[in-house]
Amino acid sequence: MALIATLATVFVAFLHFYIMYIEMFLWDKPKGMKIFGLKPDFAKASKVMAANQGLYNGFLAVGLLWGLWLGDGESHVTIFFLLCVVVAGVYGAITSSKKILFVQGLPGLMALIAMLLAG
């Protein structure tokens, strides 16, 4: 179970690095606008805000990998960052798009459950 928990957490971390990349560097590009369903004017006007969001997603990813690097004795760090991912997914679903719950929240929840079961 520990291997599954680790792999799930690494997946969530790299998912957040990908989200970071899109928000920071592709937000106003065709691929970023397509992924987030943005119109060019809005993408241009919100580019700085999106880069800030991206930075926070990067912090989540680094926190997850840091928690794994610390090892089993410090699994509470990984659990904390997975909880942050789940809360961000729920909040995003409530305030922005239900899709966020499935793209961000569900993988985080699955990794969190795996981590808790791995004990």
N, C-alpha and C. Protein backbone atom coordinates (compact mmCIF):
# COMPACT_ATOMS: atom_id res chain seq x y z
N MET A 1 0.82 -1.20 0.00
CA MET A 1 0.00 0.00 0.00
C MET A 1 0.86 1.27 0.00
N ALA A 2 2.03 1.19 0.62
CA ALA A 2 2.91 2.36 0.66
C ALA A 2 3.35 2.77 -0.74
N LEU A 3 3.61 1.79 -1.61
CA LEU A 3 4.01 2.10 -2.98
C LEU A 3 2.87 2.80 -3.72
N ILE A 4 1.66 2.31 -3.55
CA ILE A 4 0.49 2.93 -4.20
C ILE A 4 0.32 4.36 -3.69
N ALA A 5 0.46 4.57 -2.39
CA ALA A 5 0.32 5.90 -1.81
C ALA A 5 1.39 6.84 -2.37
N THR A 6 2.60 6.35 -2.48
CA THR A 6 3.69 7.17 -3.02
C THR A 6 3.45 7.51 -4.48
N LEU A 7 3.07 6.52 -5.27
CA LEU A 7 2.81 6.76 -6.70
C LEU A 7 1.64 7.71 -6.91
N ALA A 8 0.59 7.55 -6.11
CA ALA A 8 -0.56 8.44 -6.22
C ALA A 8 -0.17 9.87 -5.86
N THR A 9 0.64 10.02 -4.83
CA THR A 9 1.09 11.35 -4.42
C THR A 9 1.99 11.98 -5.47
N VAL A 10 2.87 11.20 -6.05
CA VAL A 10 3.74 11.71 -7.13
C VAL A 10 2.88 12.14 -8.32
N PHE A 11 1.86 11.36 -8.63
CA PHE A 11 0.95 11.73 -9.72
C PHE A 11 0.29 13.09 -9.44
N VAL A 12 -0.22 13.26 -8.22
CA VAL A 12 -0.86 14.52 -7.85
C VAL A 12 0.15 15.67 -7.92
N ALA A 13 1.37 15.44 -7.47
CA ALA A 13 2.40 16.48 -7.53
C ALA A 13 2.66 16.89 -8.98
N PHE A 14 2.83 15.92 -9.86
CA PHE A 14 3.11 16.27 -11.25
C PHE A 14 1.90 16.87 -11.95
N LEU A 15 0.69 16.48 -11.53
CA LEU A 15 -0.52 17.12 -12.03
C LEU A 15 -0.50 18.61 -11.67
N HIS A 16 -0.07 18.92 -10.46
CA HIS A 16 -0.02 20.32 -10.04
C HIS A 16 1.12 21.09 -10.71
N PHE A 17 2.21 20.42 -11.02
CA PHE A 17 3.25 21.08 -11.82
C PHE A 17 2.71 21.41 -13.21
N TYR A 18 1.91 20.50 -13.77
CA TYR A 18 1.31 20.73 -15.08
C TYR A 18 0.33 21.90 -15.03
N ILE A 19 -0.52 21.92 -13.99
CA ILE A 19 -1.46 23.03 -13.83
C ILE A 19 -0.67 24.34 -13.68
N MET A 20 0.40 24.30 -12.90
CA MET A 20 1.25 25.47 -12.73
C MET A 20 1.77 25.96 -14.09
N TYR A 21 2.27 25.05 -14.89
CA TYR A 21 2.81 25.40 -16.20
C TYR A 21 1.74 26.06 -17.08
N ILE A 22 0.56 25.47 -17.09
CA ILE A 22 -0.51 26.03 -17.92
C ILE A 22 -0.89 27.43 -17.43
N GLU A 23 -1.08 27.57 -16.11
CA GLU A 23 -1.51 28.85 -15.58
C GLU A 23 -0.45 29.94 -15.70
N MET A 24 0.81 29.56 -15.56
CA MET A 24 1.87 30.57 -15.59
C MET A 24 2.35 30.91 -17.00
N PHE A 25 2.33 29.93 -17.91
CA PHE A 25 2.95 30.15 -19.20
C PHE A 25 2.03 30.00 -20.41
N LEU A 26 0.90 29.32 -20.26
CA LEU A 26 0.01 29.10 -21.40
C LEU A 26 -1.35 29.76 -21.26
N TRP A 27 -1.57 30.48 -20.17
CA TRP A 27 -2.89 31.03 -19.86
C TRP A 27 -3.50 31.80 -21.04
N ASP A 28 -2.72 32.64 -21.68
CA ASP A 28 -3.25 33.46 -22.78
C ASP A 28 -2.84 32.93 -24.16
N LYS A 29 -2.38 31.69 -24.18
CA LYS A 29 -2.03 31.03 -25.44
C LYS A 29 -3.21 30.13 -25.85
N PRO A 30 -3.28 29.74 -27.13
CA PRO A 30 -4.42 28.92 -27.57
C PRO A 30 -4.67 27.67 -26.72
N LYS A 31 -3.61 26.94 -26.36
CA LYS A 31 -3.81 25.72 -25.57
C LYS A 31 -4.38 26.03 -24.18
N GLY A 32 -3.83 27.03 -23.53
CA GLY A 32 -4.33 27.41 -22.21
C GLY A 32 -5.76 27.91 -22.26
N MET A 33 -6.07 28.73 -23.26
CA MET A 33 -7.43 29.24 -23.38
C MET A 33 -8.42 28.12 -23.66
N LYS A 34 -7.99 27.13 -24.45
CA LYS A 34 -8.86 25.99 -24.74
C LYS A 34 -9.09 25.16 -23.48
N ILE A 35 -8.02 24.86 -22.73
CA ILE A 35 -8.14 24.04 -21.52
C ILE A 35 -9.08 24.69 -20.52
N PHE A 36 -8.97 26.00 -20.34
CA PHE A 36 -9.77 26.70 -19.34
C PHE A 36 -11.02 27.36 -19.91
N GLY A 37 -11.23 27.24 -21.22
CA GLY A 37 -12.43 27.81 -21.85
C GLY A 37 -12.47 29.33 -21.76
N LEU A 38 -11.34 29.97 -22.06
CA LEU A 38 -11.22 31.42 -21.92
C LEU A 38 -11.34 32.14 -23.25
N LYS A 39 -11.85 33.34 -23.18
CA LYS A 39 -11.85 34.23 -24.35
C LYS A 39 -10.55 35.05 -24.29
N PRO A 40 -10.00 35.41 -25.45
CA PRO A 40 -8.72 36.13 -25.49
C PRO A 40 -8.65 37.37 -24.61
N ASP A 41 -9.71 38.17 -24.60
CA ASP A 41 -9.69 39.40 -23.79
C ASP A 41 -9.58 39.08 -22.30
N PHE A 42 -10.35 38.10 -21.85
CA PHE A 42 -10.30 37.73 -20.44
C PHE A 42 -8.94 37.13 -20.09
N ALA A 43 -8.42 36.27 -20.97
CA ALA A 43 -7.12 35.64 -20.72
C ALA A 43 -6.03 36.70 -20.58
N LYS A 44 -6.06 37.70 -21.44
CA LYS A 44 -5.06 38.76 -21.37
C LYS A 44 -5.20 39.57 -20.08
N ALA A 45 -6.45 39.89 -19.72
CA ALA A 45 -6.70 40.71 -18.53
C ALA A 45 -6.38 39.97 -17.23
N SER A 46 -6.48 38.66 -17.24
CA SER A 46 -6.30 37.88 -16.00
C SER A 46 -4.98 37.12 -15.96
N LYS A 47 -4.09 37.42 -16.89
CA LYS A 47 -2.83 36.68 -17.00
C LYS A 47 -1.99 36.73 -15.71
N VAL A 48 -1.87 37.87 -15.09
CA VAL A 48 -1.07 38.00 -13.87
C VAL A 48 -1.71 37.21 -12.72
N MET A 49 -3.02 37.30 -12.61
CA MET A 49 -3.74 36.55 -11.58
C MET A 49 -3.55 35.04 -11.78
N ALA A 50 -3.61 34.60 -13.02
CA ALA A 50 -3.44 33.18 -13.31
C ALA A 50 -2.02 32.72 -12.98
N ALA A 51 -1.04 33.56 -13.26
CA ALA A 51 0.35 33.21 -12.92
C ALA A 51 0.50 33.06 -11.42
N ASN A 52 -0.18 33.88 -10.66
CA ASN A 52 -0.15 33.78 -9.20
C ASN A 52 -0.79 32.45 -8.76
N GLN A 53 -1.92 32.09 -9.35
CA GLN A 53 -2.55 30.79 -9.07
C GLN A 53 -1.59 29.67 -9.40
N GLY A 54 -0.93 29.79 -10.52
CA GLY A 54 0.02 28.76 -10.94
C GLY A 54 1.13 28.58 -9.93
N LEU A 55 1.62 29.69 -9.41
CA LEU A 55 2.68 29.62 -8.41
C LEU A 55 2.22 28.82 -7.20
N TYR A 56 0.99 29.05 -6.76
CA TYR A 56 0.46 28.31 -5.61
C TYR A 56 0.33 26.82 -5.92
N ASN A 57 -0.05 26.49 -7.14
CA ASN A 57 -0.09 25.07 -7.53
C ASN A 57 1.30 24.47 -7.50
N GLY A 58 2.29 25.25 -7.89
CA GLY A 58 3.67 24.78 -7.79
C GLY A 58 4.09 24.54 -6.36
N PHE A 59 3.66 25.41 -5.44
CA PHE A 59 3.96 25.20 -4.02
C PHE A 59 3.34 23.91 -3.51
N LEU A 60 2.11 23.62 -3.95
CA LEU A 60 1.48 22.36 -3.54
C LEU A 60 2.30 21.17 -4.04
N ALA A 61 2.72 21.23 -5.29
CA ALA A 61 3.50 20.13 -5.86
C ALA A 61 4.82 19.93 -5.12
N VAL A 62 5.52 21.01 -4.86
CA VAL A 62 6.79 20.92 -4.14
C VAL A 62 6.56 20.40 -2.72
N GLY A 63 5.51 20.85 -2.07
CA GLY A 63 5.19 20.37 -0.73
C GLY A 63 4.93 18.88 -0.70
N LEU A 64 4.23 18.38 -1.70
CA LEU A 64 3.98 16.93 -1.77
C LEU A 64 5.27 16.15 -1.94
N LEU A 65 6.12 16.60 -2.85
CA LEU A 65 7.39 15.90 -3.07
C LEU A 65 8.31 16.04 -1.85
N TRP A 66 8.28 17.17 -1.20
CA TRP A 66 9.07 17.37 0.02
C TRP A 66 8.61 16.40 1.10
N GLY A 67 7.30 16.26 1.27
CA GLY A 67 6.77 15.32 2.25
C GLY A 67 7.21 13.90 1.96
N LEU A 68 7.19 13.50 0.70
CA LEU A 68 7.66 12.16 0.35
C LEU A 68 9.15 12.02 0.61
N TRP A 69 9.91 13.05 0.29
CA TRP A 69 11.36 13.02 0.50
C TRP A 69 11.69 12.86 1.98
N LEU A 70 10.90 13.49 2.84
CA LEU A 70 11.14 13.39 4.29
C LEU A 70 10.98 11.96 4.80
N GLY A 71 10.12 11.19 4.15
CA GLY A 71 9.97 9.78 4.51
C GLY A 71 8.79 9.50 5.42
N ASP A 72 8.65 8.23 5.76
CA ASP A 72 7.50 7.74 6.53
C ASP A 72 7.33 8.42 7.88
N GLY A 73 8.41 8.71 8.53
CA GLY A 73 8.33 9.33 9.85
C GLY A 73 7.73 10.72 9.82
N GLU A 74 7.67 11.31 8.64
CA GLU A 74 7.14 12.67 8.49
C GLU A 74 5.95 12.68 7.53
N SER A 75 5.19 11.60 7.48
CA SER A 75 4.07 11.51 6.53
C SER A 75 3.01 12.57 6.78
N HIS A 76 3.00 13.16 7.97
CA HIS A 76 2.02 14.22 8.25
C HIS A 76 2.22 15.42 7.32
N VAL A 77 3.43 15.63 6.83
CA VAL A 77 3.68 16.72 5.88
C VAL A 77 2.96 16.42 4.56
N THR A 78 3.11 15.20 4.08
CA THR A 78 2.44 14.80 2.84
C THR A 78 0.94 14.85 3.02
N ILE A 79 0.45 14.38 4.15
CA ILE A 79 -0.99 14.39 4.42
C ILE A 79 -1.50 15.83 4.45
N PHE A 80 -0.76 16.73 5.06
CA PHE A 80 -1.16 18.14 5.08
C PHE A 80 -1.31 18.68 3.66
N PHE A 81 -0.32 18.45 2.81
CA PHE A 81 -0.39 18.99 1.46
C PHE A 81 -1.47 18.32 0.63
N LEU A 82 -1.73 17.04 0.86
CA LEU A 82 -2.84 16.37 0.17
C LEU A 82 -4.17 16.96 0.63
N LEU A 83 -4.29 17.25 1.91
CA LEU A 83 -5.51 17.92 2.41
C LEU A 83 -5.68 19.29 1.74
N CYS A 84 -4.58 20.01 1.58
CA CYS A 84 -4.64 21.31 0.88
C CYS A 84 -5.15 21.14 -0.54
N VAL A 85 -4.68 20.11 -1.22
CA VAL A 85 -5.13 19.84 -2.59
C VAL A 85 -6.63 19.55 -2.62
N VAL A 86 -7.09 18.72 -1.69
CA VAL A 86 -8.51 18.37 -1.65
C VAL A 86 -9.35 19.61 -1.36
N VAL A 87 -8.94 20.41 -0.38
CA VAL A 87 -9.68 21.64 -0.05
C VAL A 87 -9.70 22.58 -1.26
N ALA A 88 -8.57 22.73 -1.93
CA ALA A 88 -8.51 23.59 -3.12
C ALA A 88 -9.44 23.06 -4.21
N GLY A 89 -9.51 21.75 -4.36
CA GLY A 89 -10.41 21.16 -5.36
C GLY A 89 -11.87 21.40 -5.02
N VAL A 90 -12.23 21.24 -3.77
CA VAL A 90 -13.61 21.49 -3.34
C VAL A 90 -13.96 22.97 -3.50
N TYR A 91 -13.06 23.83 -3.04
CA TYR A 91 -13.30 25.28 -3.15
C TYR A 91 -13.42 25.70 -4.62
N GLY A 92 -12.54 25.18 -5.45
CA GLY A 92 -12.60 25.50 -6.87
C GLY A 92 -13.89 25.02 -7.51
N ALA A 93 -14.38 23.86 -7.10
CA ALA A 93 -15.63 23.34 -7.63
C ALA A 93 -16.81 24.22 -7.21
N ILE A 94 -16.76 24.71 -5.99
CA ILE A 94 -17.85 25.57 -5.49
C ILE A 94 -17.83 26.94 -6.15
N THR A 95 -16.64 27.50 -6.30
CA THR A 95 -16.53 28.90 -6.74
C THR A 95 -16.27 29.09 -8.23
N SER A 96 -15.78 28.05 -8.91
CA SER A 96 -15.37 28.25 -10.30
C SER A 96 -16.00 27.24 -11.26
N SER A 97 -15.62 25.97 -11.12
CA SER A 97 -16.09 24.95 -12.06
C SER A 97 -16.12 23.59 -11.37
N LYS A 98 -17.21 22.87 -11.56
CA LYS A 98 -17.34 21.53 -10.96
C LYS A 98 -16.24 20.60 -11.47
N LYS A 99 -15.75 20.87 -12.65
CA LYS A 99 -14.68 20.06 -13.26
C LYS A 99 -13.44 20.00 -12.35
N ILE A 100 -13.17 21.07 -11.61
CA ILE A 100 -12.00 21.12 -10.74
C ILE A 100 -12.07 20.03 -9.67
N LEU A 101 -13.27 19.72 -9.22
CA LEU A 101 -13.42 18.68 -8.20
C LEU A 101 -12.87 17.35 -8.71
N PHE A 102 -13.11 17.06 -9.97
CA PHE A 102 -12.67 15.78 -10.54
C PHE A 102 -11.22 15.80 -11.00
N VAL A 103 -10.79 16.94 -11.53
CA VAL A 103 -9.42 17.05 -12.05
C VAL A 103 -8.41 17.20 -10.92
N GLN A 104 -8.76 17.95 -9.89
CA GLN A 104 -7.82 18.27 -8.82
C GLN A 104 -8.19 17.57 -7.51
N GLY A 105 -9.44 17.69 -7.11
CA GLY A 105 -9.85 17.17 -5.80
C GLY A 105 -9.86 15.66 -5.70
N LEU A 106 -10.41 14.99 -6.70
CA LEU A 106 -10.52 13.53 -6.64
C LEU A 106 -9.15 12.83 -6.62
N PRO A 107 -8.21 13.20 -7.50
CA PRO A 107 -6.88 12.56 -7.39
C PRO A 107 -6.23 12.83 -6.03
N GLY A 108 -6.39 14.04 -5.50
CA GLY A 108 -5.85 14.37 -4.19
C GLY A 108 -6.48 13.51 -3.10
N LEU A 109 -7.80 13.34 -3.18
CA LEU A 109 -8.51 12.51 -2.19
C LEU A 109 -8.07 11.05 -2.26
N MET A 110 -7.91 10.55 -3.48
CA MET A 110 -7.47 9.16 -3.65
C MET A 110 -6.06 8.96 -3.07
N ALA A 111 -5.17 9.91 -3.33
CA ALA A 111 -3.81 9.82 -2.79
C ALA A 111 -3.84 9.95 -1.27
N LEU A 112 -4.70 10.82 -0.76
CA LEU A 112 -4.83 10.99 0.69
C LEU A 112 -5.31 9.71 1.36
N ILE A 113 -6.33 9.09 0.80
CA ILE A 113 -6.83 7.82 1.35
C ILE A 113 -5.74 6.76 1.31
N ALA A 114 -5.04 6.67 0.19
CA ALA A 114 -3.94 5.69 0.09
C ALA A 114 -2.87 5.95 1.13
N MET A 115 -2.54 7.22 1.32
CA MET A 115 -1.52 7.58 2.31
C MET A 115 -1.98 7.22 3.72
N LEU A 116 -3.23 7.48 4.05
CA LEU A 116 -3.75 7.15 5.37
C LEU A 116 -3.81 5.63 5.59
N LEU A 117 -4.17 4.89 4.56
CA LEU A 117 -4.21 3.42 4.68
C LEU A 117 -2.82 2.82 4.78
N ALA A 118 -1.84 3.49 4.17
CA ALA A 118 -0.47 3.00 4.23
C ALA A 118 0.11 3.17 5.63
N GLY A 119 -0.53 4.10 6.37
CA GLY A 119 -0.21 4.31 7.77
C GLY A 119 1.15 4.72 8.07
